[in-house]
Amino acid sequence: MIDIANLSIRLPEFSVQHISLTMESGDFFVLLGPTGAGKSLVLEAMAGLVPIATGSIRLHGTDITHLPPEKRDLAIVYQDGSLFPHLTVEANIAFGLRYKKKEVPAPDLQVQHLMKRLGIAHLKHRKPSTLSGGEKQRTALARALAIKPKILLLDEPLSALDPTTRTDITELLKTLHQEENMTCLMVTHDFAEAQALGNAMAVINNGRIEQSGPTHTLFNHPATPFVARFLGVPKKLKSVPPAAR
């Protein structure tokens, strides 16, 4: 379980204000919003990559707000994979394991298992420059999963892929989430992705949460005109308790 309480991030030309969200263990939670809404900032604050002005982040009851990124038991996958260009697929996947020797006692076996599981074992000696978009994302996913994170953070992981590869990676994420009982947080601007993957979601606009709750609730009962317009559903506004917003 992860609790974000009253999180604010202040940058020179943009701010994220008073974000409060709760994600249950095993959720596939989607943070949905237009470009520039602040969703990636929230993700990077959780990962410890951007400083926060106020608020707290708790993981399974432990305050991780001020821990360095490598101590948070989180892993992040970006839309371009962000692989190390000088390392092979195998070396990229193994990179983070040097910090997780206690949690992953057989790192070599873990790397081999993940390459096979994600269908990239035949690419183990290749460099990122020789990979397709889908192969890069599979490698990035394997690298993130190798450290056995408590939360998998996904920053628009499908947006740079062609339609066929996007479908393949979507199905892979569904399967991994279900079979590994992973807790995932994905940010996206695509409500079709949110419907396909998320069981819970929040809509963010201009640095503030407009509504949060089960995915079907937001699509069936948008709480604000913005949520209705952004999700492309008829404007059926319904009174929603403040805690659900």
C-alpha atoms as a PDB file:
ATOM      1  CA  MET A   1       0.000   0.000   0.000  1.00  0.00           C
ATOM      2  CA  ILE A   2       1.253   3.487  -0.780  1.00  0.00           C
ATOM      3  CA  ASP A   3      -0.118   6.732   0.666  1.00  0.00           C
ATOM      4  CA  ILE A   4       0.680  10.129  -0.814  1.00  0.00           C
ATOM      5  CA  ALA A   5      -0.492  12.911   1.493  1.00  0.00           C
ATOM      6  CA  ASN A   6      -0.650  16.626   0.694  1.00  0.00           C
ATOM      7  CA  LEU A   7       2.219  16.388  -1.809  1.00  0.00           C
ATOM      8  CA  SER A   8       3.329  19.680  -3.366  1.00  0.00           C
ATOM      9  CA  ILE A   9       6.157  20.306  -5.847  1.00  0.00           C
ATOM     10  CA  ARG A  10       7.149  23.859  -6.726  1.00  0.00           C
ATOM     11  CA  LEU A  11       9.176  24.625  -9.825  1.00  0.00           C
ATOM     12  CA  PRO A  12       9.931  28.092 -11.268  1.00  0.00           C
ATOM     13  CA  GLU A  13       7.111  27.959 -13.840  1.00  0.00           C
ATOM     14  CA  PHE A  14       4.856  25.165 -12.598  1.00  0.00           C
ATOM     15  CA  SER A  15       3.641  23.594  -9.384  1.00  0.00           C
ATOM     16  CA  VAL A  16       1.867  20.468  -8.252  1.00  0.00           C
ATOM     17  CA  GLN A  17      -0.435  21.244  -5.350  1.00  0.00           C
ATOM     18  CA  HIS A  18      -1.758  19.141  -2.453  1.00  0.00           C
ATOM     19  CA  ILE A  19      -1.811  15.715  -4.121  1.00  0.00           C
ATOM     20  CA  SER A  20      -3.307  12.980  -1.921  1.00  0.00           C
ATOM     21  CA  LEU A  21      -3.684   9.453  -3.298  1.00  0.00           C
ATOM     22  CA  THR A  22      -3.908   5.944  -1.864  1.00  0.00           C
ATOM     23  CA  MET A  23      -2.918   2.833  -3.814  1.00  0.00           C
ATOM     24  CA  GLU A  24      -3.668  -0.607  -2.454  1.00  0.00           C
ATOM     25  CA  SER A  25      -1.253  -3.518  -2.792  1.00  0.00           C
ATOM     26  CA  GLY A  26      -1.883  -5.262  -6.104  1.00  0.00           C
ATOM     27  CA  ASP A  27      -3.497  -2.225  -7.738  1.00  0.00           C
ATOM     28  CA  PHE A  28      -2.763  -1.193 -11.292  1.00  0.00           C
ATOM     29  CA  PHE A  29      -3.256   2.520 -10.638  1.00  0.00           C
ATOM     30  CA  VAL A  30      -3.308   4.976 -13.533  1.00  0.00           C
ATOM     31  CA  LEU A  31      -2.591   8.691 -13.150  1.00  0.00           C
ATOM     32  CA  LEU A  32      -4.259  10.213 -16.180  1.00  0.00           C
ATOM     33  CA  GLY A  33      -4.044  13.751 -17.494  1.00  0.00           C
ATOM     34  CA  PRO A  34      -3.173  15.984 -20.441  1.00  0.00           C
ATOM     35  CA  THR A  35       0.385  16.874 -21.398  1.00  0.00           C
ATOM     36  CA  GLY A  36       1.842  19.296 -18.858  1.00  0.00           C
ATOM     37  CA  ALA A  37      -0.629  18.400 -16.096  1.00  0.00           C
ATOM     38  CA  GLY A  38       2.124  17.343 -13.662  1.00  0.00           C
ATOM     39  CA  LYS A  39       1.621  13.582 -13.706  1.00  0.00           C
ATOM     40  CA  SER A  40       5.270  12.698 -14.434  1.00  0.00           C
ATOM     41  CA  LEU A  41       6.375  15.047 -11.652  1.00  0.00           C
ATOM     42  CA  VAL A  42       4.272  13.068  -9.173  1.00  0.00           C
ATOM     43  CA  LEU A  43       5.849   9.841 -10.411  1.00  0.00           C
ATOM     44  CA  GLU A  44       9.378  11.225 -10.141  1.00  0.00           C
ATOM     45  CA  ALA A  45       8.692  12.614  -6.673  1.00  0.00           C
ATOM     46  CA  MET A  46       7.659   9.118  -5.593  1.00  0.00           C
ATOM     47  CA  ALA A  47      10.896   7.763  -7.049  1.00  0.00           C
ATOM     48  CA  GLY A  48      12.930  10.419  -5.216  1.00  0.00           C
ATOM     49  CA  LEU A  49      14.078  12.129  -8.400  1.00  0.00           C
ATOM     50  CA  VAL A  50      12.560  15.585  -7.787  1.00  0.00           C
ATOM     51  CA  PRO A  51      12.404  17.503  -4.489  1.00  0.00           C
ATOM     52  CA  ILE A  52       9.047  18.061  -2.830  1.00  0.00           C
ATOM     53  CA  ALA A  53       7.951  21.208  -1.030  1.00  0.00           C
ATOM     54  CA  THR A  54       5.389  19.680   1.335  1.00  0.00           C
ATOM     55  CA  GLY A  55       3.726  16.361   2.009  1.00  0.00           C
ATOM     56  CA  SER A  56       4.723  12.776   2.634  1.00  0.00           C
ATOM     57  CA  ILE A  57       5.006   9.433   0.845  1.00  0.00           C
ATOM     58  CA  ARG A  58       4.519   6.228   2.826  1.00  0.00           C
ATOM     59  CA  LEU A  59       5.118   2.716   1.498  1.00  0.00           C
ATOM     60  CA  HIS A  60       3.509  -0.074   3.542  1.00  0.00           C
ATOM     61  CA  GLY A  61       3.481   2.292   6.515  1.00  0.00           C
ATOM     62  CA  THR A  62       7.137   3.359   6.202  1.00  0.00           C
ATOM     63  CA  ASP A  63       7.880   7.019   5.473  1.00  0.00           C
ATOM     64  CA  ILE A  64      10.094   7.119   2.354  1.00  0.00           C
ATOM     65  CA  THR A  65       9.681  10.853   1.673  1.00  0.00           C
ATOM     66  CA  HIS A  66      13.330  11.727   2.211  1.00  0.00           C
ATOM     67  CA  LEU A  67      15.025   8.435   1.368  1.00  0.00           C
ATOM     68  CA  PRO A  68      17.452   8.354  -1.586  1.00  0.00           C
ATOM     69  CA  PRO A  69      16.041   6.692  -4.726  1.00  0.00           C
ATOM     70  CA  GLU A  70      17.995   3.437  -4.286  1.00  0.00           C
ATOM     71  CA  LYS A  71      16.516   2.931  -0.796  1.00  0.00           C
ATOM     72  CA  ARG A  72      12.838   3.243  -1.778  1.00  0.00           C
ATOM     73  CA  ASP A  73      12.201  -0.237  -3.236  1.00  0.00           C
ATOM     74  CA  LEU A  74      10.663   1.355  -6.325  1.00  0.00           C
ATOM     75  CA  ALA A  75      11.593   0.998  -9.994  1.00  0.00           C
ATOM     76  CA  ILE A  76      10.719   3.317 -12.852  1.00  0.00           C
ATOM     77  CA  VAL A  77      10.330   2.666 -16.593  1.00  0.00           C
ATOM     78  CA  TYR A  78      10.311   5.660 -18.952  1.00  0.00           C
ATOM     79  CA  GLN A  79       8.672   5.886 -22.364  1.00  0.00           C
ATOM     80  CA  ASP A  80      12.000   5.646 -24.184  1.00  0.00           C
ATOM     81  CA  GLY A  81      13.357   2.893 -21.929  1.00  0.00           C
ATOM     82  CA  SER A  82      16.353   5.039 -20.864  1.00  0.00           C
ATOM     83  CA  LEU A  83      18.732   2.113 -21.322  1.00  0.00           C
ATOM     84  CA  PHE A  84      22.480   2.526 -20.945  1.00  0.00           C
ATOM     85  CA  PRO A  85      23.705   2.709 -24.558  1.00  0.00           C
ATOM     86  CA  HIS A  86      27.144   1.202 -23.844  1.00  0.00           C
ATOM     87  CA  LEU A  87      25.754  -1.906 -22.092  1.00  0.00           C
ATOM     88  CA  THR A  88      24.273  -5.042 -23.588  1.00  0.00           C
ATOM     89  CA  VAL A  89      20.698  -6.107 -22.905  1.00  0.00           C
ATOM     90  CA  GLU A  90      21.933  -8.551 -20.279  1.00  0.00           C
ATOM     91  CA  ALA A  91      24.158  -5.969 -18.580  1.00  0.00           C
ATOM     92  CA  ASN A  92      21.365  -3.377 -18.584  1.00  0.00           C
ATOM     93  CA  ILE A  93      19.027  -5.787 -16.812  1.00  0.00           C
ATOM     94  CA  ALA A  94      21.690  -6.737 -14.258  1.00  0.00           C
ATOM     95  CA  PHE A  95      22.732  -3.141 -13.526  1.00  0.00           C
ATOM     96  CA  GLY A  96      20.556  -2.449 -10.480  1.00  0.00           C
ATOM     97  CA  LEU A  97      21.204  -5.809  -8.869  1.00  0.00           C
ATOM     98  CA  ARG A  98      24.551  -4.660  -7.499  1.00  0.00           C
ATOM     99  CA  TYR A  99      22.548  -2.738  -4.866  1.00  0.00           C
ATOM    100  CA  LYS A 100      20.145  -5.599  -4.093  1.00  0.00           C
ATOM    101  CA  LYS A 101      22.349  -8.546  -3.153  1.00  0.00           C
ATOM    102  CA  LYS A 102      20.354  -9.338  -0.008  1.00  0.00           C
ATOM    103  CA  GLU A 103      16.942  -9.131  -1.704  1.00  0.00           C
ATOM    104  CA  VAL A 104      18.042 -11.069  -4.812  1.00  0.00           C
ATOM    105  CA  PRO A 105      20.471 -13.787  -3.668  1.00  0.00           C
ATOM    106  CA  ALA A 106      20.934 -15.320  -7.152  1.00  0.00           C
ATOM    107  CA  PRO A 107      21.169 -12.297  -9.465  1.00  0.00           C
ATOM    108  CA  ASP A 108      22.454 -14.180 -12.507  1.00  0.00           C
ATOM    109  CA  LEU A 109      19.524 -16.598 -12.365  1.00  0.00           C
ATOM    110  CA  GLN A 110      17.126 -13.672 -11.938  1.00  0.00           C
ATOM    111  CA  VAL A 111      18.477 -11.982 -15.074  1.00  0.00           C
ATOM    112  CA  GLN A 112      18.261 -15.179 -17.117  1.00  0.00           C
ATOM    113  CA  HIS A 113      14.726 -15.834 -15.872  1.00  0.00           C
ATOM    114  CA  LEU A 114      13.524 -12.346 -16.780  1.00  0.00           C
ATOM    115  CA  MET A 115      15.083 -12.393 -20.250  1.00  0.00           C
ATOM    116  CA  LYS A 116      13.304 -15.667 -20.946  1.00  0.00           C
ATOM    117  CA  ARG A 117      10.062 -14.476 -19.320  1.00  0.00           C
ATOM    118  CA  LEU A 118       9.950 -11.311 -21.434  1.00  0.00           C
ATOM    119  CA  GLY A 119      11.058 -13.007 -24.640  1.00  0.00           C
ATOM    120  CA  ILE A 120      14.403 -11.247 -25.045  1.00  0.00           C
ATOM    121  CA  ALA A 121      16.906 -14.002 -24.185  1.00  0.00           C
ATOM    122  CA  HIS A 122      18.065 -14.088 -27.813  1.00  0.00           C
ATOM    123  CA  LEU A 123      18.978 -10.383 -27.546  1.00  0.00           C
ATOM    124  CA  LYS A 124      21.236 -10.705 -24.484  1.00  0.00           C
ATOM    125  CA  HIS A 125      24.433  -9.597 -26.281  1.00  0.00           C
ATOM    126  CA  ARG A 126      22.833  -6.763 -28.270  1.00  0.00           C
ATOM    127  CA  LYS A 127      23.259  -3.041 -27.550  1.00  0.00           C
ATOM    128  CA  PRO A 128      20.204  -0.737 -27.256  1.00  0.00           C
ATOM    129  CA  SER A 129      20.958   0.998 -30.572  1.00  0.00           C
ATOM    130  CA  THR A 130      20.197  -2.255 -32.402  1.00  0.00           C
ATOM    131  CA  LEU A 131      16.825  -2.878 -30.702  1.00  0.00           C
ATOM    132  CA  SER A 132      13.302  -2.062 -31.820  1.00  0.00           C
ATOM    133  CA  GLY A 133      11.025   0.068 -29.645  1.00  0.00           C
ATOM    134  CA  GLY A 134       9.265  -2.981 -28.254  1.00  0.00           C
ATOM    135  CA  GLU A 135      12.546  -4.744 -27.510  1.00  0.00           C
ATOM    136  CA  LYS A 136      13.817  -1.683 -25.661  1.00  0.00           C
ATOM    137  CA  GLN A 137      10.673  -1.546 -23.523  1.00  0.00           C
ATOM    138  CA  ARG A 138      10.879  -5.261 -22.724  1.00  0.00           C
ATOM    139  CA  THR A 139      14.500  -4.754 -21.673  1.00  0.00           C
ATOM    140  CA  ALA A 140      13.572  -1.724 -19.556  1.00  0.00           C
ATOM    141  CA  LEU A 141      10.784  -3.713 -17.894  1.00  0.00           C
ATOM    142  CA  ALA A 142      13.170  -6.584 -17.169  1.00  0.00           C
ATOM    143  CA  ARG A 143      15.703  -4.159 -15.662  1.00  0.00           C
ATOM    144  CA  ALA A 144      13.008  -2.688 -13.410  1.00  0.00           C
ATOM    145  CA  LEU A 145      11.644  -6.075 -12.349  1.00  0.00           C
ATOM    146  CA  ALA A 146      15.110  -7.504 -11.652  1.00  0.00           C
ATOM    147  CA  ILE A 147      15.396  -5.648  -8.340  1.00  0.00           C
ATOM    148  CA  LYS A 148      11.996  -6.986  -7.189  1.00  0.00           C
ATOM    149  CA  PRO A 149      10.490  -3.553  -6.503  1.00  0.00           C
ATOM    150  CA  LYS A 150       7.524  -3.097  -4.205  1.00  0.00           C
ATOM    151  CA  ILE A 151       6.014  -0.637  -6.696  1.00  0.00           C
ATOM    152  CA  LEU A 152       6.600  -0.517 -10.451  1.00  0.00           C
ATOM    153  CA  LEU A 153       6.387   3.044 -11.814  1.00  0.00           C
ATOM    154  CA  LEU A 154       5.594   3.436 -15.512  1.00  0.00           C
ATOM    155  CA  ASP A 155       5.993   6.820 -17.234  1.00  0.00           C
ATOM    156  CA  GLU A 156       3.981   6.653 -20.478  1.00  0.00           C
ATOM    157  CA  PRO A 157       5.591   3.314 -21.415  1.00  0.00           C
ATOM    158  CA  LEU A 158       3.399   2.828 -24.489  1.00  0.00           C
ATOM    159  CA  SER A 159       3.368   6.280 -26.063  1.00  0.00           C
ATOM    160  CA  ALA A 160       6.430   5.878 -28.323  1.00  0.00           C
ATOM    161  CA  LEU A 161       5.390   2.484 -29.721  1.00  0.00           C
ATOM    162  CA  ASP A 162       3.636   1.591 -32.953  1.00  0.00           C
ATOM    163  CA  PRO A 163       0.062   0.235 -32.584  1.00  0.00           C
ATOM    164  CA  THR A 164       0.992  -3.440 -32.909  1.00  0.00           C
ATOM    165  CA  THR A 165       3.863  -3.208 -30.423  1.00  0.00           C
ATOM    166  CA  ARG A 166       1.691  -1.118 -28.085  1.00  0.00           C
ATOM    167  CA  THR A 167      -0.856  -3.922 -28.025  1.00  0.00           C
ATOM    168  CA  ASP A 168       1.871  -6.489 -27.325  1.00  0.00           C
ATOM    169  CA  ILE A 169       3.352  -4.506 -24.431  1.00  0.00           C
ATOM    170  CA  THR A 170      -0.120  -3.796 -23.025  1.00  0.00           C
ATOM    171  CA  GLU A 171      -0.843  -7.528 -22.910  1.00  0.00           C
ATOM    172  CA  LEU A 172       2.572  -8.158 -21.370  1.00  0.00           C
ATOM    173  CA  LEU A 173       1.900  -5.611 -18.622  1.00  0.00           C
ATOM    174  CA  LYS A 174      -1.502  -7.176 -17.935  1.00  0.00           C
ATOM    175  CA  THR A 175       0.041 -10.630 -17.654  1.00  0.00           C
ATOM    176  CA  LEU A 176       2.918  -9.510 -15.434  1.00  0.00           C
ATOM    177  CA  HIS A 177       0.552  -7.606 -13.166  1.00  0.00           C
ATOM    178  CA  GLN A 178      -1.786 -10.561 -12.751  1.00  0.00           C
ATOM    179  CA  GLU A 179       0.744 -13.374 -12.502  1.00  0.00           C
ATOM    180  CA  GLU A 180       3.294 -11.562 -10.338  1.00  0.00           C
ATOM    181  CA  ASN A 181       0.678  -9.730  -8.222  1.00  0.00           C
ATOM    182  CA  MET A 182       2.615  -6.517  -8.821  1.00  0.00           C
ATOM    183  CA  THR A 183       1.559  -3.079  -7.653  1.00  0.00           C
ATOM    184  CA  CYS A 184       1.874  -0.646 -10.559  1.00  0.00           C
ATOM    185  CA  LEU A 185       1.467   3.085 -11.026  1.00  0.00           C
ATOM    186  CA  MET A 186       1.352   4.267 -14.622  1.00  0.00           C
ATOM    187  CA  VAL A 187       1.035   7.820 -15.903  1.00  0.00           C
ATOM    188  CA  THR A 188      -0.506   8.404 -19.306  1.00  0.00           C
ATOM    189  CA  HIS A 189      -2.575  10.877 -21.302  1.00  0.00           C
ATOM    190  CA  ASP A 190      -4.402   8.058 -23.136  1.00  0.00           C
ATOM    191  CA  PHE A 191      -7.722   7.065 -21.574  1.00  0.00           C
ATOM    192  CA  ALA A 192      -7.853   3.883 -23.700  1.00  0.00           C
ATOM    193  CA  GLU A 193      -4.683   2.719 -21.920  1.00  0.00           C
ATOM    194  CA  ALA A 194      -6.250   3.626 -18.582  1.00  0.00           C
ATOM    195  CA  GLN A 195      -9.324   1.516 -19.356  1.00  0.00           C
ATOM    196  CA  ALA A 196      -7.261  -1.404 -20.649  1.00  0.00           C
ATOM    197  CA  LEU A 197      -4.886  -1.613 -17.682  1.00  0.00           C
ATOM    198  CA  GLY A 198      -6.119   0.264 -14.644  1.00  0.00           C
ATOM    199  CA  ASN A 199      -8.429  -0.954 -11.908  1.00  0.00           C
ATOM    200  CA  ALA A 200      -8.058   2.400 -10.137  1.00  0.00           C
ATOM    201  CA  MET A 201      -7.174   5.831 -11.431  1.00  0.00           C
ATOM    202  CA  ALA A 202      -6.958   9.547 -10.812  1.00  0.00           C
ATOM    203  CA  VAL A 203      -7.321  12.429 -13.247  1.00  0.00           C
ATOM    204  CA  ILE A 204      -4.891  15.315 -12.790  1.00  0.00           C
ATOM    205  CA  ASN A 205      -5.195  18.741 -14.391  1.00  0.00           C
ATOM    206  CA  ASN A 206      -2.938  21.760 -13.956  1.00  0.00           C
ATOM    207  CA  GLY A 207      -1.163  20.200 -10.988  1.00  0.00           C
ATOM    208  CA  ARG A 208      -4.287  19.208  -9.050  1.00  0.00           C
ATOM    209  CA  ILE A 209      -6.307  16.025  -8.724  1.00  0.00           C
ATOM    210  CA  GLU A 210      -9.782  16.407 -10.262  1.00  0.00           C
ATOM    211  CA  GLN A 211     -11.120  12.977  -9.241  1.00  0.00           C
ATOM    212  CA  SER A 212      -9.830   9.592  -8.099  1.00  0.00           C
ATOM    213  CA  GLY A 213     -11.365   6.180  -7.509  1.00  0.00           C
ATOM    214  CA  PRO A 214     -12.137   2.917  -9.303  1.00  0.00           C
ATOM    215  CA  THR A 215     -11.672   3.222 -13.061  1.00  0.00           C
ATOM    216  CA  HIS A 216     -15.281   2.308 -13.837  1.00  0.00           C
ATOM    217  CA  THR A 217     -16.528   5.017 -11.454  1.00  0.00           C
ATOM    218  CA  LEU A 218     -14.611   7.791 -13.204  1.00  0.00           C
ATOM    219  CA  PHE A 219     -15.819   6.694 -16.631  1.00  0.00           C
ATOM    220  CA  ASN A 220     -19.427   6.186 -15.523  1.00  0.00           C
ATOM    221  CA  HIS A 221     -19.705   9.082 -13.068  1.00  0.00           C
ATOM    222  CA  PRO A 222     -17.230  11.895 -13.848  1.00  0.00           C
ATOM    223  CA  ALA A 223     -17.245  14.334 -10.945  1.00  0.00           C
ATOM    224  CA  THR A 224     -16.272  17.501 -12.840  1.00  0.00           C
ATOM    225  CA  PRO A 225     -16.808  18.906 -16.332  1.00  0.00           C
ATOM    226  CA  PHE A 226     -13.081  18.565 -17.023  1.00  0.00           C
ATOM    227  CA  VAL A 227     -13.058  14.842 -16.175  1.00  0.00           C
ATOM    228  CA  ALA A 228     -16.115  14.286 -18.397  1.00  0.00           C
ATOM    229  CA  ARG A 229     -14.536  16.159 -21.324  1.00  0.00           C
ATOM    230  CA  PHE A 230     -11.116  14.561 -20.931  1.00  0.00           C
ATOM    231  CA  LEU A 231     -12.459  11.020 -20.714  1.00  0.00           C
ATOM    232  CA  GLY A 232     -14.786  11.662 -23.655  1.00  0.00           C
ATOM    233  CA  VAL A 233     -17.889  10.528 -21.807  1.00  0.00           C
ATOM    234  CA  PRO A 234     -21.321  12.204 -21.579  1.00  0.00           C
ATOM    235  CA  LYS A 235     -21.480  14.849 -18.909  1.00  0.00           C
ATOM    236  CA  LYS A 236     -23.263  12.952 -16.136  1.00  0.00           C
ATOM    237  CA  LEU A 237     -22.041  14.820 -13.104  1.00  0.00           C
ATOM    238  CA  LYS A 238     -22.872  13.258  -9.788  1.00  0.00           C
ATOM    239  CA  SER A 239     -22.192  14.367  -6.269  1.00  0.00           C
ATOM    240  CA  VAL A 240     -19.030  12.585  -5.130  1.00  0.00           C
ATOM    241  CA  PRO A 241     -17.794  12.670  -1.512  1.00  0.00           C
ATOM    242  CA  PRO A 242     -14.623  14.817  -1.105  1.00  0.00           C
ATOM    243  CA  ALA A 243     -12.595  11.737  -0.136  1.00  0.00           C
ATOM    244  CA  ALA A 244     -13.226  10.244  -3.576  1.00  0.00           C
ATOM    245  CA  ARG A 245     -11.987  13.314  -5.414  1.00  0.00           C
END
